């Protein structure tokens, strides 16, 4: 099986570089969408807004998990490889919460479900998974992106010193 990862090259300082830039930018976009989703859809009074939140949120979680796996696979930094596991787990938890809540809403009328569906015990159970997972996803992804940025600055400084 062949890998589709970007080729790694060695810089004059001996550090390897790879194509994490586009994946990191895409992960930053996913972070913005993830942080904004609850504030866009959940204030809606109708149950279809809540359903739309889960219909959009679950694929966002899957995209985030795929991006994190790609960053982990091609990263040359052990810190980044280890740190990618934390948001991967929290995005997986958020995805499970989305799917569980969505199943309850769909089984109780879907977009036409009454407001009592949100008090359903199974919906509440999955919400207790989804809410902390959402918060963990946002915070840990932000920490990961800051770490990647700091490491990029350190490597750029090392390359500049090596050229002198």
Foldseek 3Di string as FASTA:
>chain_A
DDDPFFDWDAAPVRAIDGPLVVLLVVLVVLLVCLVCLCVPQVVDPFVLSVLVSLVVLLVSLVSNLVSLVNCLVPPRDPVLVVLSVQLNVLSVLLNQLSVQLNVQCVVQPNRRHDPCSCVPPSNVVSVVSNPVSSVSNNVSSVVSSVVVVVVVVVVVVVSVVSVD
